[in-house]
PDB file of N, CA and C in Angstrom:
ATOM      1  N   MET A   1    -106.893 -87.424-132.709  1.00  0.00           N
ATOM      2  CA  MET A   1    -107.045 -86.194-133.466  1.00  0.00           C
ATOM      3  C   MET A   1    -106.261 -86.329-134.768  1.00  0.00           C
ATOM      4  N   PRO A   2    -106.938 -86.230-135.901  1.00  0.00           N
ATOM      5  CA  PRO A   2    -106.236 -86.383-137.171  1.00  0.00           C
ATOM      6  C   PRO A   2    -105.278 -85.217-137.442  1.00  0.00           C
ATOM      7  N   LEU A   3    -104.249 -85.521-138.154  1.00  0.00           N
ATOM      8  CA  LEU A   3    -103.234 -84.542-138.526  1.00  0.00           C
ATOM      9  C   LEU A   3    -103.720 -83.781-139.760  1.00  0.00           C
ATOM     10  N   THR A   4    -103.673 -82.460-139.724  1.00  0.00           N
ATOM     11  CA  THR A   4    -104.092 -81.666-140.880  1.00  0.00           C
ATOM     12  C   THR A   4    -102.890 -81.352-141.759  1.00  0.00           C
ATOM     13  N   ARG A   5    -103.156 -80.916-142.968  1.00  0.00           N
ATOM     14  CA  ARG A   5    -102.087 -80.539-143.898  1.00  0.00           C
ATOM     15  C   ARG A   5    -101.270 -79.387-143.312  1.00  0.00           C
ATOM     16  N   GLU A   6    -101.941 -78.450-142.631  1.00  0.00           N
ATOM     17  CA  GLU A   6    -101.233 -77.325-142.006  1.00  0.00           C
ATOM     18  C   GLU A   6    -100.339 -77.799-140.862  1.00  0.00           C
ATOM     19  N   ASP A   7    -100.803 -78.802-140.085  1.00  0.00           N
ATOM     20  CA  ASP A   7     -99.967 -79.382-139.027  1.00  0.00           C
ATOM     21  C   ASP A   7     -98.693 -79.945-139.624  1.00  0.00           C
ATOM     22  N   LEU A   8     -98.851 -80.657-140.738  1.00  0.00           N
ATOM     23  CA  LEU A   8     -97.709 -81.274-141.396  1.00  0.00           C
ATOM     24  C   LEU A   8     -96.739 -80.219-141.918  1.00  0.00           C
ATOM     25  N   LYS A   9     -97.267 -79.156-142.487  1.00  0.00           N
ATOM     26  CA  LYS A   9     -96.403 -78.071-142.975  1.00  0.00           C
ATOM     27  C   LYS A   9     -95.642 -77.428-141.820  1.00  0.00           C
ATOM     28  N   THR A  10     -96.326 -77.263-140.680  1.00  0.00           N
ATOM     29  CA  THR A  10     -95.671 -76.676-139.500  1.00  0.00           C
ATOM     30  C   THR A  10     -94.562 -77.593-138.991  1.00  0.00           C
ATOM     31  N   LEU A  11     -94.844 -78.892-138.919  1.00  0.00           N
ATOM     32  CA  LEU A  11     -93.826 -79.846-138.477  1.00  0.00           C
ATOM     33  C   LEU A  11     -92.631 -79.861-139.422  1.00  0.00           C
ATOM     34  N   ALA A  12     -92.899 -79.834-140.720  1.00  0.00           N
ATOM     35  CA  ALA A  12     -91.820 -79.807-141.707  1.00  0.00           C
ATOM     36  C   ALA A  12     -90.982 -78.549-141.536  1.00  0.00           C
ATOM     37  N   ASP A  13     -91.636 -77.423-141.286  1.00  0.00           N
ATOM     38  CA  ASP A  13     -90.929 -76.163-141.077  1.00  0.00           C
ATOM     39  C   ASP A  13     -90.052 -76.230-139.833  1.00  0.00           C
ATOM     40  N   LEU A  14     -90.596 -76.777-138.746  1.00  0.00           N
ATOM     41  CA  LEU A  14     -89.821 -76.897-137.509  1.00  0.00           C
ATOM     42  C   LEU A  14     -88.627 -77.831-137.678  1.00  0.00           C
ATOM     43  N   ALA A  15     -88.790 -78.859-138.513  1.00  0.00           N
ATOM     44  CA  ALA A  15     -87.707 -79.817-138.760  1.00  0.00           C
ATOM     45  C   ALA A  15     -86.780 -79.345-139.868  1.00  0.00           C
ATOM     46  N   ARG A  16     -87.046 -78.151-140.390  1.00  0.00           N
ATOM     47  CA  ARG A  16     -86.239 -77.586-141.473  1.00  0.00           C
ATOM     48  C   ARG A  16     -86.261 -78.469-142.716  1.00  0.00           C
ATOM     49  N   LEU A  17     -87.440 -79.066-143.012  1.00  0.00           N
ATOM     50  CA  LEU A  17     -87.615 -79.895-144.201  1.00  0.00           C
ATOM     51  C   LEU A  17     -88.375 -79.097-145.239  1.00  0.00           C
ATOM     52  N   ASP A  18     -87.885 -79.112-146.455  1.00  0.00           N
ATOM     53  CA  ASP A  18     -88.567 -78.438-147.550  1.00  0.00           C
ATOM     54  C   ASP A  18     -89.321 -79.502-148.336  1.00  0.00           C
ATOM     55  N   LEU A  19     -90.572 -79.762-147.943  1.00  0.00           N
ATOM     56  CA  LEU A  19     -91.365 -80.809-148.584  1.00  0.00           C
ATOM     57  C   LEU A  19     -92.190 -80.223-149.722  1.00  0.00           C
ATOM     58  N   PRO A  20     -91.986 -80.736-150.940  1.00  0.00           N
ATOM     59  CA  PRO A  20     -92.846 -80.292-152.040  1.00  0.00           C
ATOM     60  C   PRO A  20     -94.283 -80.739-151.791  1.00  0.00           C
ATOM     61  N   GLU A  21     -95.222 -80.039-152.373  1.00  0.00           N
ATOM     62  CA  GLU A  21     -96.651 -80.310-152.168  1.00  0.00           C
ATOM     63  C   GLU A  21     -97.008 -81.765-152.469  1.00  0.00           C
ATOM     64  N   GLU A  22     -96.392 -82.349-153.513  1.00  0.00           N
ATOM     65  CA  GLU A  22     -96.730 -83.724-153.878  1.00  0.00           C
ATOM     66  C   GLU A  22     -96.261 -84.744-152.834  1.00  0.00           C
ATOM     67  N   GLU A  23     -95.274 -84.382-152.034  1.00  0.00           N
ATOM     68  CA  GLU A  23     -94.802 -85.303-150.995  1.00  0.00           C
ATOM     69  C   GLU A  23     -95.626 -85.196-149.718  1.00  0.00           C
ATOM     70  N   LEU A  24     -96.329 -84.093-149.546  1.00  0.00           N
ATOM     71  CA  LEU A  24     -97.079 -83.888-148.308  1.00  0.00           C
ATOM     72  C   LEU A  24     -98.130 -84.974-148.083  1.00  0.00           C
ATOM     73  N   GLY A  25     -98.813 -85.404-149.145  1.00  0.00           N
ATOM     74  CA  GLY A  25     -99.834 -86.442-149.006  1.00  0.00           C
ATOM     75  C   GLY A  25     -99.251 -87.748-148.497  1.00  0.00           C
ATOM     76  N   ARG A  26     -98.117 -88.146-149.063  1.00  0.00           N
ATOM     77  CA  ARG A  26     -97.466 -89.388-148.637  1.00  0.00           C
ATOM     78  C   ARG A  26     -96.975 -89.260-147.199  1.00  0.00           C
ATOM     79  N   MET A  27     -96.367 -88.131-146.886  1.00  0.00           N
ATOM     80  CA  MET A  27     -95.869 -87.917-145.532  1.00  0.00           C
ATOM     81  C   MET A  27     -97.015 -87.882-144.523  1.00  0.00           C
ATOM     82  N   GLU A  28     -98.134 -87.329-144.947  1.00  0.00           N
ATOM     83  CA  GLU A  28     -99.296 -87.256-144.063  1.00  0.00           C
ATOM     84  C   GLU A  28     -99.755 -88.668-143.679  1.00  0.00           C
ATOM     85  N   LYS A  29     -99.813 -89.574-144.661  1.00  0.00           N
ATOM     86  CA  LYS A  29    -100.208 -90.959-144.396  1.00  0.00           C
ATOM     87  C   LYS A  29     -99.188 -91.660-143.509  1.00  0.00           C
ATOM     88  N   ASP A  30     -97.891 -91.464-143.806  1.00  0.00           N
ATOM     89  CA  ASP A  30     -96.839 -92.109-143.017  1.00  0.00           C
ATOM     90  C   ASP A  30     -96.873 -91.645-141.565  1.00  0.00           C
ATOM     91  N   LEU A  31     -97.008 -90.349-141.377  1.00  0.00           N
ATOM     92  CA  LEU A  31     -97.020 -89.808-140.016  1.00  0.00           C
ATOM     93  C   LEU A  31     -98.271 -90.232-139.263  1.00  0.00           C
ATOM     94  N   GLU A  32     -99.399 -90.311-139.952  1.00  0.00           N
ATOM     95  CA  GLU A  32    -100.633 -90.808-139.326  1.00  0.00           C
ATOM     96  C   GLU A  32    -100.436 -92.240-138.827  1.00  0.00           C
ATOM     97  N   ALA A  33     -99.747 -93.067-139.634  1.00  0.00           N
ATOM     98  CA  ALA A  33     -99.496 -94.461-139.237  1.00  0.00           C
ATOM     99  C   ALA A  33     -98.605 -94.508-137.993  1.00  0.00           C
ATOM    100  N   VAL A  34     -97.575 -93.677-137.960  1.00  0.00           N
ATOM    101  CA  VAL A  34     -96.673 -93.642-136.800  1.00  0.00           C
ATOM    102  C   VAL A  34     -97.435 -93.180-135.556  1.00  0.00           C
ATOM    103  N   LEU A  35     -98.204 -92.114-135.710  1.00  0.00           N
ATOM    104  CA  LEU A  35     -98.961 -91.601-134.560  1.00  0.00           C
ATOM    105  C   LEU A  35    -100.012 -92.603-134.097  1.00  0.00           C
ATOM    106  N   GLY A  36    -100.601 -93.344-135.030  1.00  0.00           N
ATOM    107  CA  GLY A  36    -101.558 -94.387-134.670  1.00  0.00           C
ATOM    108  C   GLY A  36    -100.893 -95.478-133.845  1.00  0.00           C
ATOM    109  N   TYR A  37     -99.671 -95.845-134.228  1.00  0.00           N
ATOM    110  CA  TYR A  37     -98.933 -96.864-133.478  1.00  0.00           C
ATOM    111  C   TYR A  37     -98.589 -96.357-132.078  1.00  0.00           C
ATOM    112  N   VAL A  38     -98.159 -95.108-131.987  1.00  0.00           N
ATOM    113  CA  VAL A  38     -97.847 -94.527-130.673  1.00  0.00           C
ATOM    114  C   VAL A  38     -99.107 -94.502-129.810  1.00  0.00           C
ATOM    115  N   ASP A  39    -100.246 -94.194-130.409  1.00  0.00           N
ATOM    116  CA  ASP A  39    -101.507 -94.192-129.671  1.00  0.00           C
ATOM    117  C   ASP A  39    -101.817 -95.587-129.120  1.00  0.00           C
ATOM    118  N   ARG A  40    -101.568 -96.618-129.931  1.00  0.00           N
ATOM    119  CA  ARG A  40    -101.782 -97.997-129.462  1.00  0.00           C
ATOM    120  C   ARG A  40    -100.867 -98.307-128.279  1.00  0.00           C
ATOM    121  N   LEU A  41     -99.633 -97.832-128.335  1.00  0.00           N
ATOM    122  CA  LEU A  41     -98.697 -98.072-127.230  1.00  0.00           C
ATOM    123  C   LEU A  41     -99.145 -97.388-125.943  1.00  0.00           C
ATOM    124  N   GLN A  42     -99.848 -96.273-126.065  1.00  0.00           N
ATOM    125  CA  GLN A  42    -100.325 -95.550-124.882  1.00  0.00           C
ATOM    126  C   GLN A  42    -101.313 -96.393-124.071  1.00  0.00           C
ATOM    127  N   HIS A  43    -101.967 -97.363-124.721  1.00  0.00           N
ATOM    128  CA  HIS A  43    -102.979 -98.174-124.055  1.00  0.00           C
ATOM    129  C   HIS A  43    -102.424 -99.490-123.496  1.00  0.00           C
ATOM    130  N   VAL A  44    -101.136 -99.728-123.629  1.00  0.00           N
ATOM    131  CA  VAL A  44    -100.525-100.951-123.104  1.00  0.00           C
ATOM    132  C   VAL A  44    -100.372-100.816-121.589  1.00  0.00           C
ATOM    133  N   ASP A  45    -100.802-101.825-120.860  1.00  0.00           N
ATOM    134  CA  ASP A  45    -100.715-101.811-119.404  1.00  0.00           C
ATOM    135  C   ASP A  45     -99.272-102.115-118.985  1.00  0.00           C
ATOM    136  N   THR A  46     -98.613-101.147-118.390  1.00  0.00           N
ATOM    137  CA  THR A  46     -97.213-101.313-117.969  1.00  0.00           C
ATOM    138  C   THR A  46     -97.045-101.143-116.459  1.00  0.00           C
ATOM    139  N   LYS A  47     -98.148-101.249-115.698  1.00  0.00           N
ATOM    140  CA  LYS A  47     -98.055-100.973-114.257  1.00  0.00           C
ATOM    141  C   LYS A  47     -97.152-101.963-113.511  1.00  0.00           C
ATOM    142  N   ASP A  48     -97.046-103.206-113.976  1.00  0.00           N
ATOM    143  CA  ASP A  48     -96.194-104.179-113.299  1.00  0.00           C
ATOM    144  C   ASP A  48     -94.830-104.359-113.968  1.00  0.00           C
ATOM    145  N   VAL A  49     -94.479-103.482-114.876  1.00  0.00           N
ATOM    146  CA  VAL A  49     -93.198-103.578-115.581  1.00  0.00           C
ATOM    147  C   VAL A  49     -92.178-102.722-114.846  1.00  0.00           C
ATOM    148  N   GLU A  50     -91.069-103.350-114.493  1.00  0.00           N
ATOM    149  CA  GLU A  50     -90.003-102.626-113.811  1.00  0.00           C
ATOM    150  C   GLU A  50     -89.344-101.626-114.761  1.00  0.00           C
ATOM    151  N   PRO A  51     -89.031-100.426-114.280  1.00  0.00           N
ATOM    152  CA  PRO A  51     -88.312 -99.468-115.130  1.00  0.00           C
ATOM    153  C   PRO A  51     -86.959-100.038-115.534  1.00  0.00           C
ATOM    154  N   PHE A  52     -86.541 -99.741-116.730  1.00  0.00           N
ATOM    155  CA  PHE A  52     -85.261-100.222-117.236  1.00  0.00           C
ATOM    156  C   PHE A  52     -84.398 -99.025-117.575  1.00  0.00           C
ATOM    157  N   CYS A  53     -83.166 -99.118-117.162  1.00  0.00           N
ATOM    158  CA  CYS A  53     -82.246 -98.036-117.499  1.00  0.00           C
ATOM    159  C   CYS A  53     -81.001 -98.669-118.104  1.00  0.00           C
ATOM    160  N   MET A  54     -80.545 -98.118-119.194  1.00  0.00           N
ATOM    161  CA  MET A  54     -79.398 -98.680-119.896  1.00  0.00           C
ATOM    162  C   MET A  54     -78.122 -98.405-119.085  1.00  0.00           C
ATOM    163  N   PRO A  55     -77.316 -99.421-118.906  1.00  0.00           N
ATOM    164  CA  PRO A  55     -76.053 -99.189-118.188  1.00  0.00           C
ATOM    165  C   PRO A  55     -75.172 -98.227-118.981  1.00  0.00           C
ATOM    166  N   SER A  56     -74.320 -97.522-118.267  1.00  0.00           N
ATOM    167  CA  SER A  56     -73.492 -96.522-118.942  1.00  0.00           C
ATOM    168  C   SER A  56     -72.453 -97.151-119.860  1.00  0.00           C
ATOM    169  N   ARG A  57     -72.049 -98.361-119.584  1.00  0.00           N
ATOM    170  CA  ARG A  57     -71.042 -99.019-120.425  1.00  0.00           C
ATOM    171  C   ARG A  57     -71.674-100.269-121.040  1.00  0.00           C
ATOM    172  N   VAL A  58     -71.948-100.228-122.303  1.00  0.00           N
ATOM    173  CA  VAL A  58     -72.583-101.335-122.992  1.00  0.00           C
ATOM    174  C   VAL A  58     -71.549-102.029-123.862  1.00  0.00           C
ATOM    175  N   GLU A  59     -71.532-103.354-123.819  1.00  0.00           N
ATOM    176  CA  GLU A  59     -70.606-104.102-124.664  1.00  0.00           C
ATOM    177  C   GLU A  59     -70.898-103.812-126.126  1.00  0.00           C
ATOM    178  N   GLY A  60     -69.864-103.703-126.927  1.00  0.00           N
ATOM    179  CA  GLY A  60     -70.049-103.454-128.340  1.00  0.00           C
ATOM    180  C   GLY A  60     -69.867-101.987-128.705  1.00  0.00           C
ATOM    181  N   TRP A  61     -70.008-101.102-127.734  1.00  0.00           N
ATOM    182  CA  TRP A  61     -69.768 -99.690-128.011  1.00  0.00           C
ATOM    183  C   TRP A  61     -68.273 -99.454-127.939  1.00  0.00           C
ATOM    184  N   ARG A  62     -67.807 -98.567-128.726  1.00  0.00           N
ATOM    185  CA  ARG A  62     -66.388 -98.256-128.683  1.00  0.00           C
ATOM    186  C   ARG A  62     -66.192 -96.791-128.292  1.00  0.00           C
ATOM    187  N   GLU A  63     -65.107 -96.557-127.659  1.00  0.00           N
ATOM    188  CA  GLU A  63     -64.769 -95.197-127.290  1.00  0.00           C
ATOM    189  C   GLU A  63     -64.304 -94.456-128.537  1.00  0.00           C
ATOM    190  N   ASP A  64     -64.714 -93.205-128.688  1.00  0.00           N
ATOM    191  CA  ASP A  64     -64.256 -92.403-129.818  1.00  0.00           C
ATOM    192  C   ASP A  64     -62.805 -92.002-129.584  1.00  0.00           C
ATOM    193  N   VAL A  65     -61.953 -92.351-130.516  1.00  0.00           N
ATOM    194  CA  VAL A  65     -60.543 -92.028-130.392  1.00  0.00           C
ATOM    195  C   VAL A  65     -60.107 -91.305-131.662  1.00  0.00           C
ATOM    196  N   ALA A  66     -59.540 -90.129-131.477  1.00  0.00           N
ATOM    197  CA  ALA A  66     -59.010 -89.405-132.629  1.00  0.00           C
ATOM    198  C   ALA A  66     -57.736 -90.092-133.087  1.00  0.00           C
ATOM    199  N   SER A  67     -57.606 -90.255-134.384  1.00  0.00           N
ATOM    200  CA  SER A  67     -56.390 -90.881-134.891  1.00  0.00           C
ATOM    201  C   SER A  67     -55.805 -90.028-136.009  1.00  0.00           C
ATOM    202  N   MET A  68     -54.539 -90.068-136.125  1.00  0.00           N
ATOM    203  CA  MET A  68     -53.842 -89.287-137.145  1.00  0.00           C
ATOM    204  C   MET A  68     -53.816 -90.076-138.453  1.00  0.00           C
ATOM    205  N   CYS A  69     -53.760 -89.365-139.558  1.00  0.00           N
ATOM    206  CA  CYS A  69     -53.599 -90.022-140.848  1.00  0.00           C
ATOM    207  C   CYS A  69     -52.435 -89.352-141.574  1.00  0.00           C
ATOM    208  N   ASP A  70     -51.961 -89.999-142.604  1.00  0.00           N
ATOM    209  CA  ASP A  70     -50.832 -89.424-143.327  1.00  0.00           C
ATOM    210  C   ASP A  70     -51.315 -88.232-144.165  1.00  0.00           C
ATOM    211  N   GLU A  71     -50.389 -87.434-144.621  1.00  0.00           N
ATOM    212  CA  GLU A  71     -50.697 -86.203-145.341  1.00  0.00           C
ATOM    213  C   GLU A  71     -51.468 -86.459-146.645  1.00  0.00           C
ATOM    214  N   VAL A  72     -51.153 -87.535-147.349  1.00  0.00           N
ATOM    215  CA  VAL A  72     -51.828 -87.845-148.615  1.00  0.00           C
ATOM    216  C   VAL A  72     -53.310 -88.156-148.363  1.00  0.00           C
ATOM    217  N   THR A  73     -53.587 -88.971-147.349  1.00  0.00           N
ATOM    218  CA  THR A  73     -54.968 -89.306-147.005  1.00  0.00           C
ATOM    219  C   THR A  73     -55.731 -88.055-146.588  1.00  0.00           C
ATOM    220  N   ARG A  74     -55.107 -87.225-145.768  1.00  0.00           N
ATOM    221  CA  ARG A  74     -55.722 -85.986-145.298  1.00  0.00           C
ATOM    222  C   ARG A  74     -56.080 -85.086-146.468  1.00  0.00           C
ATOM    223  N   GLU A  75     -55.153 -84.875-147.386  1.00  0.00           N
ATOM    224  CA  GLU A  75     -55.407 -84.024-148.551  1.00  0.00           C
ATOM    225  C   GLU A  75     -56.469 -84.620-149.459  1.00  0.00           C
ATOM    226  N   THR A  76     -56.497 -85.953-149.587  1.00  0.00           N
ATOM    227  CA  THR A  76     -57.521 -86.611-150.401  1.00  0.00           C
ATOM    228  C   THR A  76     -58.903 -86.352-149.829  1.00  0.00           C
ATOM    229  N   ILE A  77     -59.039 -86.484-148.519  1.00  0.00           N
ATOM    230  CA  ILE A  77     -60.326 -86.235-147.861  1.00  0.00           C
ATOM    231  C   ILE A  77     -60.725 -84.770-148.042  1.00  0.00           C
ATOM    232  N   LEU A  78     -59.816 -83.865-147.758  1.00  0.00           N
ATOM    233  CA  LEU A  78     -60.128 -82.439-147.875  1.00  0.00           C
ATOM    234  C   LEU A  78     -60.454 -82.041-149.313  1.00  0.00           C
ATOM    235  N   SER A  79     -59.754 -82.587-150.281  1.00  0.00           N
ATOM    236  CA  SER A  79     -59.981 -82.200-151.680  1.00  0.00           C
ATOM    237  C   SER A  79     -61.303 -82.738-152.219  1.00  0.00           C
ATOM    238  N   ASN A  80     -61.859 -83.789-151.598  1.00  0.00           N
ATOM    239  CA  ASN A  80     -63.122 -84.349-152.055  1.00  0.00           C
ATOM    240  C   ASN A  80     -64.336 -83.702-151.407  1.00  0.00           C
ATOM    241  N   PHE A  81     -64.120 -82.811-150.457  1.00  0.00           N
ATOM    242  CA  PHE A  81     -65.234 -82.128-149.815  1.00  0.00           C
ATOM    243  C   PHE A  81     -65.622 -80.935-150.676  1.00  0.00           C
ATOM    244  N   PRO A  82     -66.927 -80.727-150.931  1.00  0.00           N
ATOM    245  CA  PRO A  82     -67.329 -79.691-151.882  1.00  0.00           C
ATOM    246  C   PRO A  82     -66.914 -78.267-151.510  1.00  0.00           C
ATOM    247  N   THR A  83     -67.019 -77.913-150.241  1.00  0.00           N
ATOM    248  CA  THR A  83     -66.682 -76.550-149.835  1.00  0.00           C
ATOM    249  C   THR A  83     -65.807 -76.597-148.598  1.00  0.00           C
ATOM    250  N   ARG A  84     -64.732 -75.852-148.651  1.00  0.00           N
ATOM    251  CA  ARG A  84     -63.870 -75.803-147.470  1.00  0.00           C
ATOM    252  C   ARG A  84     -63.243 -74.434-147.356  1.00  0.00           C
ATOM    253  N   LYS A  85     -62.838 -74.122-146.149  1.00  0.00           N
ATOM    254  CA  LYS A  85     -62.129 -72.881-145.867  1.00  0.00           C
ATOM    255  C   LYS A  85     -60.827 -73.278-145.192  1.00  0.00           C
ATOM    256  N   GLY A  86     -59.756 -73.297-145.952  1.00  0.00           N
ATOM    257  CA  GLY A  86     -58.483 -73.783-145.433  1.00  0.00           C
ATOM    258  C   GLY A  86     -58.601 -75.265-145.140  1.00  0.00           C
ATOM    259  N   ASP A  87     -58.313 -75.643-143.911  1.00  0.00           N
ATOM    260  CA  ASP A  87     -58.435 -77.042-143.510  1.00  0.00           C
ATOM    261  C   ASP A  87     -59.779 -77.359-142.870  1.00  0.00           C
ATOM    262  N   LEU A  88     -60.693 -76.386-142.862  1.00  0.00           N
ATOM    263  CA  LEU A  88     -62.001 -76.605-142.258  1.00  0.00           C
ATOM    264  C   LEU A  88     -63.018 -76.943-143.340  1.00  0.00           C
ATOM    265  N   LEU A  89     -63.890 -77.898-143.036  1.00  0.00           N
ATOM    266  CA  LEU A  89     -64.940 -78.281-143.969  1.00  0.00           C
ATOM    267  C   LEU A  89     -66.138 -77.370-143.733  1.00  0.00           C
ATOM    268  N   SER A  90     -66.671 -76.784-144.789  1.00  0.00           N
ATOM    269  CA  SER A  90     -67.775 -75.839-144.677  1.00  0.00           C
ATOM    270  C   SER A  90     -69.080 -76.519-145.085  1.00  0.00           C
ATOM    271  N   VAL A  91     -70.082 -76.411-144.222  1.00  0.00           N
ATOM    272  CA  VAL A  91     -71.392 -77.005-144.490  1.00  0.00           C
ATOM    273  C   VAL A  91     -72.448 -75.903-144.386  1.00  0.00           C
ATOM    274  N   PRO A  92     -73.616 -76.102-145.021  1.00  0.00           N
ATOM    275  CA  PRO A  92     -74.663 -75.082-144.923  1.00  0.00           C
ATOM    276  C   PRO A  92     -75.131 -74.917-143.479  1.00  0.00           C
ATOM    277  N   ALA A  93     -75.469 -73.693-143.131  1.00  0.00           N
ATOM    278  CA  ALA A  93     -75.967 -73.413-141.787  1.00  0.00           C
ATOM    279  C   ALA A  93     -77.319 -74.087-141.587  1.00  0.00           C
ATOM    280  N   VAL A  94     -77.564 -74.566-140.400  1.00  0.00           N
ATOM    281  CA  VAL A  94     -78.810 -75.253-140.096  1.00  0.00           C
ATOM    282  C   VAL A  94     -79.910 -74.250-139.755  1.00  0.00           C
ATOM    283  N   PHE A  95     -79.571 -73.176-139.111  1.00  0.00           N
ATOM    284  CA  PHE A  95     -80.573 -72.254-138.592  1.00  0.00           C
ATOM    285  C   PHE A  95     -80.587 -70.917-139.327  1.00  0.00           C
ATOM    286  N   ASP A  96     -80.410 -70.934-140.653  1.00  0.00           N
ATOM    287  CA  ASP A  96     -80.455 -69.699-141.428  1.00  0.00           C
ATOM    288  C   ASP A  96     -81.852 -69.101-141.488  1.00  0.00           C
ATOM    289  N   LYS A  97     -82.875 -69.957-141.614  1.00  0.00           N
ATOM    290  CA  LYS A  97     -84.252 -69.472-141.746  1.00  0.00           C
ATOM    291  C   LYS A  97     -84.793 -69.030-140.400  1.00  0.00           C
ATOM    292  N   LYS A  98     -85.609 -67.977-140.450  1.00  0.00           N
ATOM    293  CA  LYS A  98     -86.295 -67.562-139.244  1.00  0.00           C
ATOM    294  C   LYS A  98     -87.532 -68.413-139.065  1.00  0.00           C
ATOM    295  N   LYS A  99     -88.021 -68.520-137.855  1.00  0.00           N
ATOM    296  CA  LYS A  99     -89.200 -69.338-137.554  1.00  0.00           C
ATOM    297  C   LYS A  99     -90.370 -68.907-138.448  1.00  0.00           C
ATOM    298  N   GLY A 100     -91.013 -69.898-139.066  1.00  0.00           N
ATOM    299  CA  GLY A 100     -92.168 -69.620-139.910  1.00  0.00           C
ATOM    300  C   GLY A 100     -91.821 -69.295-141.356  1.00  0.00           C
ATOM    301  N   GLU A 101     -90.545 -69.057-141.649  1.00  0.00           N
ATOM    302  CA  GLU A 101     -90.125 -68.731-143.016  1.00  0.00           C
ATOM    303  C   GLU A 101     -90.027 -70.014-143.827  1.00  0.00           C
ATOM    304  N   ARG A 102     -90.585 -70.022-144.997  1.00  0.00           N
ATOM    305  CA  ARG A 102     -90.545 -71.208-145.856  1.00  0.00           C
ATOM    306  C   ARG A 102     -89.618 -70.937-147.021  1.00  0.00           C
ATOM    307  N   GLY A 103     -89.177 -72.058-147.641  1.00  0.00           N
ATOM    308  CA  GLY A 103     -88.420 -71.837-148.857  1.00  0.00           C
ATOM    309  C   GLY A 103     -87.324 -72.709-149.052  1.00  0.00           C
TER     310      GLY A 103
END
């Protein structure tokens, strides 16, 4: 089933992407190519393939460890962030728009 321009606009809206009209054509082609590849994968015979599950501990991954920095480094990082409230970094809200609202 081919992807329509309205489908693409709906997907962009759900992903909170503001795509200008001129980009929609390119995105439409790119997404069609991805969906075409996924469709090809649906036809691969996997009946004799054993399920694979990733082990919980993989070599090369590191545990996240909070580390302290000196006051100068901390202030440098905070002063380079565009918007902050005290020591907190302020970022735009992700879910400001209501469903279906464009802009």
